Amino acid sequence: MKAIFKRSKRAVLAVLMCSFTLLSCDQDKMEIQQDFPFEVKVMPVPKEIARGSTAEIRISIAQNNSYTGAGYFIRYFQFDGNGTLQYYDQPHYLPNDLYQLKSREFRLYYTSQSSVSQSFDVWISDNFGNEKQLSFEFNSSD
Protein backbone atom coordinates (compact mmCIF):
# COMPACT_ATOMS: atom_id res chain seq x y z
CA MET A 1 0.00 0.00 0.00
CA LYS A 2 2.88 2.35 0.82
CA ALA A 3 4.34 1.80 -2.69
CA ILE A 4 1.06 2.75 -4.37
CA PHE A 5 0.72 5.84 -2.19
CA LYS A 6 4.34 6.79 -2.96
CA ARG A 7 3.72 6.45 -6.75
CA SER A 8 0.49 8.45 -6.53
CA LYS A 9 2.28 11.14 -4.55
CA ARG A 10 5.01 11.36 -7.22
CA ALA A 11 2.44 11.53 -10.03
CA VAL A 12 0.54 14.34 -8.29
CA LEU A 13 3.81 16.17 -7.64
CA ALA A 14 4.82 15.84 -11.32
CA VAL A 15 1.44 17.16 -12.49
CA LEU A 16 1.67 20.11 -10.10
CA MET A 17 5.18 20.98 -11.29
CA CYS A 18 4.09 20.90 -14.95
CA SER A 19 1.06 23.04 -14.16
CA PHE A 20 3.19 25.55 -12.27
CA THR A 21 5.68 25.71 -15.13
CA LEU A 22 2.95 26.33 -17.70
CA LEU A 23 1.18 28.91 -15.55
CA SER A 24 4.37 30.78 -14.77
CA CYS A 25 4.95 31.65 -18.44
CA ASP A 26 4.52 35.34 -19.08
CA GLN A 27 1.45 35.38 -21.27
CA ASP A 28 2.02 39.05 -22.16
CA LYS A 29 5.19 38.07 -24.02
CA MET A 30 3.49 35.25 -25.89
CA GLU A 31 2.53 36.45 -29.36
CA ILE A 32 0.58 34.62 -31.98
CA GLN A 33 1.04 36.28 -35.33
CA GLN A 34 -2.26 36.76 -37.09
CA ASP A 35 -1.17 39.60 -39.33
CA PHE A 36 1.03 38.88 -42.31
CA PRO A 37 1.96 42.18 -44.01
CA PHE A 38 3.03 42.15 -47.63
CA GLU A 39 4.65 44.45 -50.15
CA VAL A 40 3.66 44.98 -53.76
CA LYS A 41 6.28 45.45 -56.46
CA VAL A 42 5.40 46.89 -59.87
CA MET A 43 7.61 46.93 -62.93
CA PRO A 44 7.80 50.31 -64.71
CA VAL A 45 4.93 51.12 -67.06
CA PRO A 46 4.75 53.54 -70.01
CA LYS A 47 3.87 57.17 -69.27
CA GLU A 48 1.79 57.54 -72.43
CA ILE A 49 -0.83 55.41 -74.12
CA ALA A 50 -2.81 55.87 -77.32
CA ARG A 51 -6.53 55.22 -77.55
CA GLY A 52 -7.05 51.52 -78.31
CA SER A 53 -3.55 50.58 -77.10
CA THR A 54 -2.86 48.19 -74.23
CA ALA A 55 -0.25 48.60 -71.49
CA GLU A 56 1.08 45.62 -69.56
CA ILE A 57 1.42 46.01 -65.78
CA ARG A 58 3.59 43.37 -64.08
CA ILE A 59 2.93 42.97 -60.36
CA SER A 60 4.38 40.74 -57.67
CA ILE A 61 3.31 40.38 -54.06
CA ALA A 62 6.17 39.82 -51.62
CA GLN A 63 5.51 38.37 -48.18
CA ASN A 64 7.95 38.74 -45.30
CA ASN A 65 7.12 35.24 -44.10
CA SER A 66 5.97 32.27 -46.11
CA TYR A 67 2.40 31.77 -44.93
CA THR A 68 0.36 29.43 -47.11
CA GLY A 69 -3.03 30.53 -45.74
CA ALA A 70 -2.89 34.03 -47.21
CA GLY A 71 -5.38 34.85 -49.96
CA TYR A 72 -5.05 37.96 -52.11
CA PHE A 73 -7.71 40.04 -53.79
CA ILE A 74 -7.77 42.93 -56.24
CA ARG A 75 -10.14 45.76 -57.11
CA TYR A 76 -9.74 48.99 -59.04
CA PHE A 77 -11.39 52.32 -59.69
CA GLN A 78 -10.78 54.64 -62.64
CA PHE A 79 -11.31 58.30 -61.83
CA ASP A 80 -9.94 60.03 -64.97
CA GLY A 81 -10.38 59.01 -68.59
CA ASN A 82 -11.81 55.73 -69.76
CA GLY A 83 -10.34 52.27 -70.21
CA THR A 84 -10.51 48.64 -69.16
CA LEU A 85 -8.37 46.55 -66.85
CA GLN A 86 -8.09 42.79 -66.99
CA TYR A 87 -6.12 39.90 -65.54
CA TYR A 88 -4.34 38.07 -68.37
CA ASP A 89 -7.03 36.99 -70.86
CA GLN A 90 -9.86 37.02 -68.30
CA PRO A 91 -12.95 39.25 -68.73
CA HIS A 92 -12.47 42.93 -67.89
CA TYR A 93 -12.67 43.90 -64.25
CA LEU A 94 -15.67 45.89 -63.13
CA PRO A 95 -14.78 48.98 -61.05
CA ASN A 96 -14.88 48.41 -57.27
CA ASP A 97 -15.66 44.70 -57.59
CA LEU A 98 -13.40 42.37 -55.63
CA TYR A 99 -11.59 39.58 -57.48
CA GLN A 100 -9.47 36.81 -56.01
CA LEU A 101 -5.92 36.60 -57.33
CA LYS A 102 -4.72 33.16 -58.38
CA SER A 103 -1.04 33.93 -58.06
CA ARG A 104 1.32 36.29 -56.23
CA GLU A 105 2.99 37.18 -59.54
CA PHE A 106 0.70 38.30 -62.31
CA ARG A 107 0.09 40.72 -65.16
CA LEU A 108 -2.71 43.19 -65.66
CA TYR A 109 -3.57 44.71 -69.01
CA TYR A 110 -4.95 48.22 -69.26
CA THR A 111 -6.56 49.15 -72.58
CA SER A 112 -7.14 52.84 -73.22
CA GLN A 113 -10.56 53.88 -74.49
CA SER A 114 -9.92 57.58 -74.18
CA SER A 115 -8.00 60.35 -75.93
CA VAL A 116 -7.36 62.24 -72.67
CA SER A 117 -5.18 61.49 -69.64
CA GLN A 118 -6.24 58.44 -67.67
CA SER A 119 -5.81 57.66 -63.98
CA PHE A 120 -6.89 54.71 -61.89
CA ASP A 121 -6.06 53.09 -58.58
CA VAL A 122 -5.63 49.40 -57.88
CA TRP A 123 -6.05 48.00 -54.37
CA ILE A 124 -4.55 44.66 -53.44
CA SER A 125 -5.72 43.20 -50.15
CA ASP A 126 -5.34 39.98 -48.23
CA ASN A 127 -7.68 37.95 -46.06
CA PHE A 128 -6.16 39.53 -42.91
CA GLY A 129 -7.33 43.05 -43.75
CA ASN A 130 -4.02 44.40 -45.07
CA GLU A 131 -4.32 46.53 -48.19
CA LYS A 132 -1.93 48.28 -50.59
CA GLN A 133 -2.92 50.99 -53.04
CA LEU A 134 -1.24 51.43 -56.43
CA SER A 135 -1.86 54.51 -58.57
CA PHE A 136 -1.44 54.56 -62.32
CA GLU A 137 -1.55 57.55 -64.65
CA PHE A 138 -1.23 57.53 -68.43
CA ASN A 139 -1.01 60.62 -70.62
CA SER A 140 -2.70 60.42 -73.98
CA SER A 141 -0.38 60.04 -76.94
CA ASP A 142 -3.11 60.76 -79.55
C-alpha atoms as a PDB file:
ATOM      1  CA  MET A   1       0.000   0.000   0.000  1.00  0.00           C
ATOM      2  CA  LYS A   2       2.878   2.354   0.815  1.00  0.00           C
ATOM      3  CA  ALA A   3       4.341   1.800  -2.689  1.00  0.00           C
ATOM      4  CA  ILE A   4       1.057   2.749  -4.366  1.00  0.00           C
ATOM      5  CA  PHE A   5       0.722   5.842  -2.191  1.00  0.00           C
ATOM      6  CA  LYS A   6       4.340   6.791  -2.960  1.00  0.00           C
ATOM      7  CA  ARG A   7       3.724   6.451  -6.751  1.00  0.00           C
ATOM      8  CA  SER A   8       0.493   8.452  -6.529  1.00  0.00           C
ATOM      9  CA  LYS A   9       2.283  11.145  -4.551  1.00  0.00           C
ATOM     10  CA  ARG A  10       5.006  11.363  -7.219  1.00  0.00           C
ATOM     11  CA  ALA A  11       2.441  11.534 -10.031  1.00  0.00           C
ATOM     12  CA  VAL A  12       0.540  14.340  -8.289  1.00  0.00           C
ATOM     13  CA  LEU A  13       3.809  16.166  -7.642  1.00  0.00           C
ATOM     14  CA  ALA A  14       4.821  15.839 -11.318  1.00  0.00           C
ATOM     15  CA  VAL A  15       1.444  17.162 -12.492  1.00  0.00           C
ATOM     16  CA  LEU A  16       1.668  20.112 -10.098  1.00  0.00           C
ATOM     17  CA  MET A  17       5.182  20.976 -11.287  1.00  0.00           C
ATOM     18  CA  CYS A  18       4.095  20.902 -14.947  1.00  0.00           C
ATOM     19  CA  SER A  19       1.064  23.039 -14.161  1.00  0.00           C
ATOM     20  CA  PHE A  20       3.189  25.547 -12.273  1.00  0.00           C
ATOM     21  CA  THR A  21       5.683  25.712 -15.135  1.00  0.00           C
ATOM     22  CA  LEU A  22       2.948  26.334 -17.696  1.00  0.00           C
ATOM     23  CA  LEU A  23       1.183  28.906 -15.549  1.00  0.00           C
ATOM     24  CA  SER A  24       4.374  30.779 -14.771  1.00  0.00           C
ATOM     25  CA  CYS A  25       4.945  31.646 -18.441  1.00  0.00           C
ATOM     26  CA  ASP A  26       4.525  35.343 -19.079  1.00  0.00           C
ATOM     27  CA  GLN A  27       1.449  35.385 -21.270  1.00  0.00           C
ATOM     28  CA  ASP A  28       2.019  39.052 -22.158  1.00  0.00           C
ATOM     29  CA  LYS A  29       5.187  38.067 -24.018  1.00  0.00           C
ATOM     30  CA  MET A  30       3.489  35.249 -25.885  1.00  0.00           C
ATOM     31  CA  GLU A  31       2.534  36.451 -29.361  1.00  0.00           C
ATOM     32  CA  ILE A  32       0.576  34.622 -31.983  1.00  0.00           C
ATOM     33  CA  GLN A  33       1.040  36.277 -35.331  1.00  0.00           C
ATOM     34  CA  GLN A  34      -2.262  36.761 -37.093  1.00  0.00           C
ATOM     35  CA  ASP A  35      -1.168  39.602 -39.325  1.00  0.00           C
ATOM     36  CA  PHE A  36       1.033  38.880 -42.313  1.00  0.00           C
ATOM     37  CA  PRO A  37       1.960  42.176 -44.010  1.00  0.00           C
ATOM     38  CA  PHE A  38       3.030  42.150 -47.633  1.00  0.00           C
ATOM     39  CA  GLU A  39       4.654  44.448 -50.152  1.00  0.00           C
ATOM     40  CA  VAL A  40       3.663  44.985 -53.761  1.00  0.00           C
ATOM     41  CA  LYS A  41       6.280  45.454 -56.460  1.00  0.00           C
ATOM     42  CA  VAL A  42       5.396  46.895 -59.865  1.00  0.00           C
ATOM     43  CA  MET A  43       7.607  46.926 -62.928  1.00  0.00           C
ATOM     44  CA  PRO A  44       7.803  50.305 -64.708  1.00  0.00           C
ATOM     45  CA  VAL A  45       4.927  51.119 -67.064  1.00  0.00           C
ATOM     46  CA  PRO A  46       4.747  53.542 -70.009  1.00  0.00           C
ATOM     47  CA  LYS A  47       3.870  57.167 -69.273  1.00  0.00           C
ATOM     48  CA  GLU A  48       1.789  57.540 -72.430  1.00  0.00           C
ATOM     49  CA  ILE A  49      -0.830  55.413 -74.115  1.00  0.00           C
ATOM     50  CA  ALA A  50      -2.815  55.875 -77.323  1.00  0.00           C
ATOM     51  CA  ARG A  51      -6.532  55.220 -77.551  1.00  0.00           C
ATOM     52  CA  GLY A  52      -7.049  51.521 -78.313  1.00  0.00           C
ATOM     53  CA  SER A  53      -3.551  50.576 -77.102  1.00  0.00           C
ATOM     54  CA  THR A  54      -2.855  48.191 -74.233  1.00  0.00           C
ATOM     55  CA  ALA A  55      -0.250  48.598 -71.490  1.00  0.00           C
ATOM     56  CA  GLU A  56       1.083  45.618 -69.555  1.00  0.00           C
ATOM     57  CA  ILE A  57       1.419  46.012 -65.779  1.00  0.00           C
ATOM     58  CA  ARG A  58       3.592  43.373 -64.077  1.00  0.00           C
ATOM     59  CA  ILE A  59       2.933  42.974 -60.363  1.00  0.00           C
ATOM     60  CA  SER A  60       4.379  40.741 -57.673  1.00  0.00           C
ATOM     61  CA  ILE A  61       3.308  40.382 -54.060  1.00  0.00           C
ATOM     62  CA  ALA A  62       6.174  39.819 -51.617  1.00  0.00           C
ATOM     63  CA  GLN A  63       5.507  38.367 -48.179  1.00  0.00           C
ATOM     64  CA  ASN A  64       7.955  38.736 -45.304  1.00  0.00           C
ATOM     65  CA  ASN A  65       7.121  35.235 -44.104  1.00  0.00           C
ATOM     66  CA  SER A  66       5.966  32.270 -46.107  1.00  0.00           C
ATOM     67  CA  TYR A  67       2.400  31.767 -44.931  1.00  0.00           C
ATOM     68  CA  THR A  68       0.357  29.434 -47.108  1.00  0.00           C
ATOM     69  CA  GLY A  69      -3.033  30.529 -45.742  1.00  0.00           C
ATOM     70  CA  ALA A  70      -2.888  34.035 -47.213  1.00  0.00           C
ATOM     71  CA  GLY A  71      -5.380  34.845 -49.956  1.00  0.00           C
ATOM     72  CA  TYR A  72      -5.047  37.955 -52.111  1.00  0.00           C
ATOM     73  CA  PHE A  73      -7.710  40.043 -53.793  1.00  0.00           C
ATOM     74  CA  ILE A  74      -7.771  42.929 -56.243  1.00  0.00           C
ATOM     75  CA  ARG A  75     -10.142  45.762 -57.111  1.00  0.00           C
ATOM     76  CA  TYR A  76      -9.735  48.986 -59.044  1.00  0.00           C
ATOM     77  CA  PHE A  77     -11.393  52.320 -59.692  1.00  0.00           C
ATOM     78  CA  GLN A  78     -10.783  54.638 -62.639  1.00  0.00           C
ATOM     79  CA  PHE A  79     -11.315  58.302 -61.829  1.00  0.00           C
ATOM     80  CA  ASP A  80      -9.937  60.028 -64.970  1.00  0.00           C
ATOM     81  CA  GLY A  81     -10.380  59.008 -68.586  1.00  0.00           C
ATOM     82  CA  ASN A  82     -11.806  55.727 -69.760  1.00  0.00           C
ATOM     83  CA  GLY A  83     -10.337  52.266 -70.206  1.00  0.00           C
ATOM     84  CA  THR A  84     -10.513  48.637 -69.160  1.00  0.00           C
ATOM     85  CA  LEU A  85      -8.365  46.549 -66.845  1.00  0.00           C
ATOM     86  CA  GLN A  86      -8.091  42.795 -66.992  1.00  0.00           C
ATOM     87  CA  TYR A  87      -6.117  39.903 -65.537  1.00  0.00           C
ATOM     88  CA  TYR A  88      -4.335  38.069 -68.366  1.00  0.00           C
ATOM     89  CA  ASP A  89      -7.025  36.986 -70.861  1.00  0.00           C
ATOM     90  CA  GLN A  90      -9.859  37.025 -68.295  1.00  0.00           C
ATOM     91  CA  PRO A  91     -12.950  39.250 -68.732  1.00  0.00           C
ATOM     92  CA  HIS A  92     -12.475  42.935 -67.893  1.00  0.00           C
ATOM     93  CA  TYR A  93     -12.670  43.897 -64.247  1.00  0.00           C
ATOM     94  CA  LEU A  94     -15.671  45.892 -63.133  1.00  0.00           C
ATOM     95  CA  PRO A  95     -14.782  48.980 -61.054  1.00  0.00           C
ATOM     96  CA  ASN A  96     -14.885  48.415 -57.272  1.00  0.00           C
ATOM     97  CA  ASP A  97     -15.664  44.695 -57.590  1.00  0.00           C
ATOM     98  CA  LEU A  98     -13.403  42.370 -55.632  1.00  0.00           C
ATOM     99  CA  TYR A  99     -11.595  39.581 -57.480  1.00  0.00           C
ATOM    100  CA  GLN A 100      -9.469  36.812 -56.013  1.00  0.00           C
ATOM    101  CA  LEU A 101      -5.922  36.600 -57.327  1.00  0.00           C
ATOM    102  CA  LYS A 102      -4.718  33.159 -58.384  1.00  0.00           C
ATOM    103  CA  SER A 103      -1.036  33.926 -58.057  1.00  0.00           C
ATOM    104  CA  ARG A 104       1.319  36.293 -56.229  1.00  0.00           C
ATOM    105  CA  GLU A 105       2.994  37.184 -59.541  1.00  0.00           C
ATOM    106  CA  PHE A 106       0.696  38.296 -62.314  1.00  0.00           C
ATOM    107  CA  ARG A 107       0.086  40.720 -65.161  1.00  0.00           C
ATOM    108  CA  LEU A 108      -2.714  43.189 -65.663  1.00  0.00           C
ATOM    109  CA  TYR A 109      -3.569  44.705 -69.007  1.00  0.00           C
ATOM    110  CA  TYR A 110      -4.954  48.216 -69.256  1.00  0.00           C
ATOM    111  CA  THR A 111      -6.560  49.155 -72.582  1.00  0.00           C
ATOM    112  CA  SER A 112      -7.144  52.843 -73.221  1.00  0.00           C
ATOM    113  CA  GLN A 113     -10.557  53.878 -74.493  1.00  0.00           C
ATOM    114  CA  SER A 114      -9.923  57.580 -74.177  1.00  0.00           C
ATOM    115  CA  SER A 115      -8.003  60.347 -75.926  1.00  0.00           C
ATOM    116  CA  VAL A 116      -7.364  62.241 -72.668  1.00  0.00           C
ATOM    117  CA  SER A 117      -5.181  61.488 -69.639  1.00  0.00           C
ATOM    118  CA  GLN A 118      -6.245  58.443 -67.674  1.00  0.00           C
ATOM    119  CA  SER A 119      -5.811  57.659 -63.982  1.00  0.00           C
ATOM    120  CA  PHE A 120      -6.888  54.714 -61.892  1.00  0.00           C
ATOM    121  CA  ASP A 121      -6.063  53.093 -58.580  1.00  0.00           C
ATOM    122  CA  VAL A 122      -5.635  49.399 -57.882  1.00  0.00           C
ATOM    123  CA  TRP A 123      -6.045  48.001 -54.368  1.00  0.00           C
ATOM    124  CA  ILE A 124      -4.553  44.660 -53.438  1.00  0.00           C
ATOM    125  CA  SER A 125      -5.725  43.197 -50.146  1.00  0.00           C
ATOM    126  CA  ASP A 126      -5.340  39.978 -48.233  1.00  0.00           C
ATOM    127  CA  ASN A 127      -7.679  37.951 -46.062  1.00  0.00           C
ATOM    128  CA  PHE A 128      -6.162  39.528 -42.908  1.00  0.00           C
ATOM    129  CA  GLY A 129      -7.333  43.053 -43.751  1.00  0.00           C
ATOM    130  CA  ASN A 130      -4.017  44.396 -45.070  1.00  0.00           C
ATOM    131  CA  GLU A 131      -4.317  46.534 -48.195  1.00  0.00           C
ATOM    132  CA  LYS A 132      -1.933  48.277 -50.588  1.00  0.00           C
ATOM    133  CA  GLN A 133      -2.918  50.989 -53.044  1.00  0.00           C
ATOM    134  CA  LEU A 134      -1.237  51.427 -56.431  1.00  0.00           C
ATOM    135  CA  SER A 135      -1.859  54.512 -58.565  1.00  0.00           C
ATOM    136  CA  PHE A 136      -1.440  54.559 -62.323  1.00  0.00           C
ATOM    137  CA  GLU A 137      -1.554  57.551 -64.652  1.00  0.00           C
ATOM    138  CA  PHE A 138      -1.231  57.530 -68.428  1.00  0.00           C
ATOM    139  CA  ASN A 139      -1.008  60.617 -70.625  1.00  0.00           C
ATOM    140  CA  SER A 140      -2.700  60.416 -73.975  1.00  0.00           C
ATOM    141  CA  SER A 141      -0.377  60.038 -76.935  1.00  0.00           C
ATOM    142  CA  ASP A 142      -3.106  60.758 -79.547  1.00  0.00           C
END
